[in-house]
Amino acid sequence: MRVGLGGRGIMMASESLIRARVWVSGRVQGVCYRAFAQQAAGRKGLSGGVRNLDDGRVEVDVEGERRAVEAFVELLRAGPPMAQVDGLRVEWETPTGRRTDFRILY
């Protein structure tokens, strides 16, 4: 999903916000992946949450400024030092504005 600029080259603030739902597979549980995601999101001023899934993956739901979310997704691709990310699935969606912080969910 790409947001184009208007005729005057100005993008409205709401148009620069995005939501990404990300599923991360590999060795991503028991390696501080959720804490890594929470710290990275906090540094970038993003909101949302991260949780372990029963199938061994990690699910991340994140919202914020487009560039910050895109950079965050790239950090998720690398993960913390002990993780081994084998796959990353990203769905881009309209932000909901439900959260103002980023939490580890249980």
N, C-alpha and C. Protein backbone atom coordinates (compact mmCIF):
# COMPACT_ATOMS: atom_id res chain seq x y z
N MET A 1 0.85 -1.17 0.00
CA MET A 1 0.00 0.00 0.00
C MET A 1 0.89 1.23 0.00
N ARG A 2 0.76 2.06 -0.98
CA ARG A 2 1.55 3.29 -1.11
C ARG A 2 0.61 4.48 -1.06
N VAL A 3 1.01 5.49 -0.32
CA VAL A 3 0.21 6.72 -0.26
C VAL A 3 0.90 7.75 -1.11
N GLY A 4 0.19 8.27 -2.08
CA GLY A 4 0.77 9.28 -2.96
C GLY A 4 0.67 10.67 -2.37
N LEU A 5 1.47 11.55 -2.90
CA LEU A 5 1.45 12.95 -2.46
C LEU A 5 0.39 13.70 -3.24
N GLY A 6 -0.21 14.67 -2.59
CA GLY A 6 -1.19 15.51 -3.25
C GLY A 6 -0.54 16.43 -4.27
N GLY A 7 -1.34 17.20 -4.96
CA GLY A 7 -0.84 18.09 -6.00
C GLY A 7 0.21 19.07 -5.52
N ARG A 8 0.16 19.47 -4.25
CA ARG A 8 1.14 20.42 -3.72
C ARG A 8 2.33 19.73 -3.07
N GLY A 9 2.38 18.40 -3.12
CA GLY A 9 3.51 17.67 -2.54
C GLY A 9 3.45 17.58 -1.03
N ILE A 10 2.27 17.73 -0.44
CA ILE A 10 2.12 17.66 1.01
C ILE A 10 1.33 16.41 1.36
N MET A 11 1.84 15.65 2.32
CA MET A 11 1.15 14.45 2.78
C MET A 11 0.50 14.75 4.12
N MET A 12 -0.76 14.42 4.25
CA MET A 12 -1.46 14.63 5.51
C MET A 12 -0.89 13.70 6.57
N ALA A 13 -0.87 14.12 7.84
CA ALA A 13 -0.30 13.34 8.93
C ALA A 13 -0.94 11.96 9.02
N SER A 14 -2.28 11.89 8.89
CA SER A 14 -2.96 10.61 9.01
C SER A 14 -2.56 9.66 7.88
N GLU A 15 -2.19 10.20 6.72
CA GLU A 15 -1.80 9.36 5.60
C GLU A 15 -0.42 8.76 5.80
N SER A 16 0.40 9.35 6.68
CA SER A 16 1.74 8.81 6.89
C SER A 16 1.76 7.74 7.98
N LEU A 17 0.61 7.45 8.58
CA LEU A 17 0.53 6.41 9.60
C LEU A 17 0.18 5.08 8.95
N ILE A 18 0.75 4.00 9.49
CA ILE A 18 0.52 2.67 8.94
C ILE A 18 0.50 1.65 10.07
N ARG A 19 -0.12 0.52 9.78
CA ARG A 19 -0.13 -0.61 10.71
C ARG A 19 0.47 -1.81 9.98
N ALA A 20 1.31 -2.55 10.68
CA ALA A 20 1.85 -3.79 10.13
C ALA A 20 1.56 -4.92 11.10
N ARG A 21 1.05 -6.02 10.57
CA ARG A 21 0.93 -7.25 11.34
C ARG A 21 2.00 -8.17 10.79
N VAL A 22 2.86 -8.66 11.69
CA VAL A 22 4.04 -9.41 11.27
C VAL A 22 4.07 -10.75 12.00
N TRP A 23 4.34 -11.82 11.25
CA TRP A 23 4.53 -13.14 11.83
C TRP A 23 5.97 -13.55 11.54
N VAL A 24 6.70 -13.87 12.61
CA VAL A 24 8.12 -14.18 12.50
C VAL A 24 8.33 -15.65 12.84
N SER A 25 9.02 -16.37 11.97
CA SER A 25 9.28 -17.78 12.22
C SER A 25 10.78 -18.04 12.30
N GLY A 26 11.12 -19.16 12.92
CA GLY A 26 12.51 -19.54 13.13
C GLY A 26 12.74 -19.79 14.61
N ARG A 27 13.97 -19.60 15.05
CA ARG A 27 14.26 -19.70 16.49
C ARG A 27 14.01 -18.32 17.09
N VAL A 28 12.75 -18.07 17.46
CA VAL A 28 12.34 -16.73 17.91
C VAL A 28 11.65 -16.75 19.27
N GLN A 29 11.54 -17.91 19.89
CA GLN A 29 11.02 -17.99 21.24
C GLN A 29 12.12 -18.47 22.16
N GLY A 30 12.18 -17.90 23.37
CA GLY A 30 13.21 -18.26 24.33
C GLY A 30 14.56 -17.60 24.05
N VAL A 31 14.55 -16.56 23.20
CA VAL A 31 15.79 -15.86 22.83
C VAL A 31 15.66 -14.35 23.00
N CYS A 32 14.70 -13.93 23.84
CA CYS A 32 14.44 -12.50 24.14
C CYS A 32 13.93 -11.72 22.94
N TYR A 33 13.26 -12.41 22.01
CA TYR A 33 12.75 -11.73 20.82
C TYR A 33 11.68 -10.70 21.17
N ARG A 34 10.76 -11.04 22.07
CA ARG A 34 9.69 -10.09 22.43
C ARG A 34 10.26 -8.86 23.11
N ALA A 35 11.22 -9.04 24.01
CA ALA A 35 11.85 -7.89 24.67
C ALA A 35 12.59 -7.03 23.65
N PHE A 36 13.26 -7.67 22.70
CA PHE A 36 13.96 -6.96 21.62
C PHE A 36 12.97 -6.10 20.83
N ALA A 37 11.83 -6.70 20.48
CA ALA A 37 10.82 -5.97 19.71
C ALA A 37 10.26 -4.80 20.52
N GLN A 38 9.99 -5.02 21.80
CA GLN A 38 9.45 -3.96 22.64
C GLN A 38 10.43 -2.79 22.76
N GLN A 39 11.70 -3.09 22.97
CA GLN A 39 12.71 -2.03 23.08
C GLN A 39 12.87 -1.28 21.77
N ALA A 40 12.91 -2.00 20.66
CA ALA A 40 13.07 -1.37 19.35
C ALA A 40 11.86 -0.48 19.03
N ALA A 41 10.66 -0.95 19.35
CA ALA A 41 9.45 -0.16 19.11
C ALA A 41 9.46 1.11 19.96
N GLY A 42 9.88 0.98 21.21
CA GLY A 42 9.95 2.14 22.10
C GLY A 42 10.91 3.20 21.58
N ARG A 43 12.06 2.76 21.07
CA ARG A 43 13.04 3.72 20.53
C ARG A 43 12.50 4.45 19.31
N LYS A 44 11.61 3.81 18.57
CA LYS A 44 11.06 4.42 17.36
C LYS A 44 9.71 5.10 17.59
N GLY A 45 9.22 5.08 18.83
CA GLY A 45 7.95 5.74 19.15
C GLY A 45 6.74 5.04 18.57
N LEU A 46 6.78 3.73 18.47
CA LEU A 46 5.70 2.95 17.88
C LEU A 46 4.79 2.37 18.95
N SER A 47 3.59 2.01 18.57
CA SER A 47 2.64 1.39 19.49
C SER A 47 2.24 0.03 18.96
N GLY A 48 1.74 -0.82 19.87
CA GLY A 48 1.27 -2.13 19.48
C GLY A 48 1.62 -3.18 20.50
N GLY A 49 1.91 -4.40 20.01
CA GLY A 49 2.23 -5.47 20.93
C GLY A 49 2.91 -6.63 20.22
N VAL A 50 3.48 -7.51 21.02
CA VAL A 50 4.18 -8.69 20.51
C VAL A 50 3.84 -9.87 21.41
N ARG A 51 3.64 -11.05 20.81
CA ARG A 51 3.31 -12.22 21.60
C ARG A 51 3.85 -13.48 20.93
N ASN A 52 4.10 -14.50 21.76
CA ASN A 52 4.46 -15.82 21.26
C ASN A 52 3.19 -16.53 20.81
N LEU A 53 3.31 -17.30 19.75
CA LEU A 53 2.21 -18.14 19.28
C LEU A 53 2.50 -19.59 19.63
N ASP A 54 1.45 -20.39 19.77
CA ASP A 54 1.61 -21.79 20.14
C ASP A 54 2.41 -22.59 19.11
N ASP A 55 2.45 -22.14 17.86
CA ASP A 55 3.16 -22.88 16.82
C ASP A 55 4.65 -22.54 16.73
N GLY A 56 5.15 -21.72 17.69
CA GLY A 56 6.57 -21.39 17.73
C GLY A 56 6.93 -20.07 17.08
N ARG A 57 5.98 -19.45 16.40
CA ARG A 57 6.23 -18.14 15.79
C ARG A 57 5.99 -17.03 16.80
N VAL A 58 6.37 -15.82 16.42
CA VAL A 58 6.07 -14.61 17.18
C VAL A 58 5.20 -13.74 16.29
N GLU A 59 4.17 -13.14 16.89
CA GLU A 59 3.28 -12.23 16.17
C GLU A 59 3.50 -10.82 16.70
N VAL A 60 3.64 -9.87 15.78
CA VAL A 60 3.85 -8.47 16.14
C VAL A 60 2.76 -7.65 15.45
N ASP A 61 2.14 -6.77 16.20
CA ASP A 61 1.14 -5.83 15.66
C ASP A 61 1.66 -4.45 16.01
N VAL A 62 1.99 -3.64 15.01
CA VAL A 62 2.67 -2.37 15.26
C VAL A 62 2.05 -1.26 14.41
N GLU A 63 1.98 -0.06 14.99
CA GLU A 63 1.47 1.12 14.29
C GLU A 63 2.38 2.31 14.54
N GLY A 64 2.39 3.21 13.58
CA GLY A 64 3.14 4.44 13.73
C GLY A 64 3.45 5.07 12.39
N GLU A 65 4.39 5.99 12.41
CA GLU A 65 4.81 6.66 11.18
C GLU A 65 5.38 5.63 10.21
N ARG A 66 5.02 5.77 8.96
CA ARG A 66 5.39 4.79 7.94
C ARG A 66 6.88 4.45 7.95
N ARG A 67 7.74 5.44 7.91
CA ARG A 67 9.18 5.17 7.84
C ARG A 67 9.68 4.43 9.08
N ALA A 68 9.14 4.78 10.25
CA ALA A 68 9.54 4.13 11.50
C ALA A 68 9.08 2.67 11.51
N VAL A 69 7.87 2.42 11.03
CA VAL A 69 7.36 1.05 11.00
C VAL A 69 8.16 0.22 10.00
N GLU A 70 8.45 0.78 8.84
CA GLU A 70 9.24 0.05 7.84
C GLU A 70 10.63 -0.30 8.39
N ALA A 71 11.27 0.65 9.08
CA ALA A 71 12.58 0.39 9.68
C ALA A 71 12.48 -0.66 10.78
N PHE A 72 11.40 -0.61 11.56
CA PHE A 72 11.17 -1.59 12.62
C PHE A 72 11.02 -3.00 12.05
N VAL A 73 10.30 -3.12 10.96
CA VAL A 73 10.12 -4.43 10.32
C VAL A 73 11.48 -4.99 9.90
N GLU A 74 12.36 -4.14 9.42
CA GLU A 74 13.70 -4.61 9.05
C GLU A 74 14.48 -5.08 10.28
N LEU A 75 14.30 -4.41 11.42
CA LEU A 75 14.92 -4.88 12.66
C LEU A 75 14.37 -6.24 13.06
N LEU A 76 13.07 -6.44 12.88
CA LEU A 76 12.46 -7.73 13.20
C LEU A 76 13.05 -8.83 12.33
N ARG A 77 13.39 -8.49 11.10
CA ARG A 77 13.96 -9.47 10.18
C ARG A 77 15.31 -9.98 10.70
N ALA A 78 16.06 -9.11 11.37
CA ALA A 78 17.36 -9.49 11.93
C ALA A 78 17.19 -10.15 13.30
N GLY A 79 16.37 -9.55 14.16
CA GLY A 79 16.13 -10.10 15.49
C GLY A 79 17.29 -9.89 16.43
N PRO A 80 17.15 -10.33 17.69
CA PRO A 80 18.23 -10.22 18.67
C PRO A 80 19.34 -11.23 18.36
N PRO A 81 20.49 -11.09 19.01
CA PRO A 81 21.66 -11.94 18.69
C PRO A 81 21.40 -13.45 18.73
N MET A 82 20.62 -13.94 19.68
CA MET A 82 20.43 -15.39 19.82
C MET A 82 19.33 -15.95 18.92
N ALA A 83 18.60 -15.08 18.25
CA ALA A 83 17.50 -15.53 17.38
C ALA A 83 18.04 -15.93 16.01
N GLN A 84 17.25 -16.75 15.35
CA GLN A 84 17.51 -17.07 13.94
C GLN A 84 16.17 -16.94 13.22
N VAL A 85 16.00 -15.86 12.50
CA VAL A 85 14.77 -15.60 11.79
C VAL A 85 14.83 -16.32 10.45
N ASP A 86 13.88 -17.24 10.24
CA ASP A 86 13.82 -17.98 8.99
C ASP A 86 12.79 -17.40 8.03
N GLY A 87 11.79 -16.73 8.56
CA GLY A 87 10.75 -16.18 7.70
C GLY A 87 10.03 -15.03 8.37
N LEU A 88 9.52 -14.14 7.55
CA LEU A 88 8.79 -12.96 8.03
C LEU A 88 7.63 -12.73 7.08
N ARG A 89 6.41 -12.74 7.60
CA ARG A 89 5.24 -12.42 6.78
C ARG A 89 4.66 -11.11 7.29
N VAL A 90 4.44 -10.17 6.41
CA VAL A 90 3.95 -8.85 6.79
C VAL A 90 2.66 -8.56 6.05
N GLU A 91 1.65 -8.10 6.80
CA GLU A 91 0.41 -7.59 6.21
C GLU A 91 0.29 -6.13 6.59
N TRP A 92 0.15 -5.27 5.60
CA TRP A 92 0.02 -3.83 5.82
C TRP A 92 -1.45 -3.48 5.92
N GLU A 93 -1.82 -2.74 6.97
CA GLU A 93 -3.23 -2.44 7.22
C GLU A 93 -3.39 -0.97 7.62
N THR A 94 -4.64 -0.59 7.75
CA THR A 94 -4.98 0.75 8.24
C THR A 94 -4.81 0.76 9.75
N PRO A 95 -4.16 1.78 10.32
CA PRO A 95 -3.98 1.83 11.77
C PRO A 95 -5.31 1.96 12.51
N THR A 96 -5.35 1.41 13.73
CA THR A 96 -6.57 1.46 14.54
C THR A 96 -6.49 2.53 15.63
N GLY A 97 -5.27 2.85 16.08
CA GLY A 97 -5.10 3.83 17.15
C GLY A 97 -5.52 3.32 18.51
N ARG A 98 -5.69 2.00 18.67
CA ARG A 98 -6.15 1.44 19.94
C ARG A 98 -5.11 1.51 21.05
N ARG A 99 -3.85 1.44 20.71
CA ARG A 99 -2.79 1.44 21.74
C ARG A 99 -1.94 2.69 21.63
N THR A 100 -1.43 3.11 22.77
CA THR A 100 -0.52 4.27 22.79
C THR A 100 0.89 3.85 23.20
N ASP A 101 1.05 2.58 23.59
CA ASP A 101 2.37 2.06 23.97
C ASP A 101 2.59 0.75 23.25
N PHE A 102 3.73 0.12 23.49
CA PHE A 102 4.04 -1.16 22.87
C PHE A 102 4.27 -2.16 24.01
N ARG A 103 3.49 -3.25 24.00
CA ARG A 103 3.50 -4.19 25.11
C ARG A 103 3.84 -5.60 24.69
N ILE A 104 4.42 -6.34 25.63
CA ILE A 104 4.56 -7.77 25.47
C ILE A 104 3.23 -8.37 25.94
N LEU A 105 2.60 -9.13 25.08
CA LEU A 105 1.29 -9.71 25.37
C LEU A 105 1.44 -11.18 25.73
N TYR A 106 0.59 -11.64 26.63
CA TYR A 106 0.64 -13.03 27.07
C TYR A 106 -0.68 -13.72 26.80
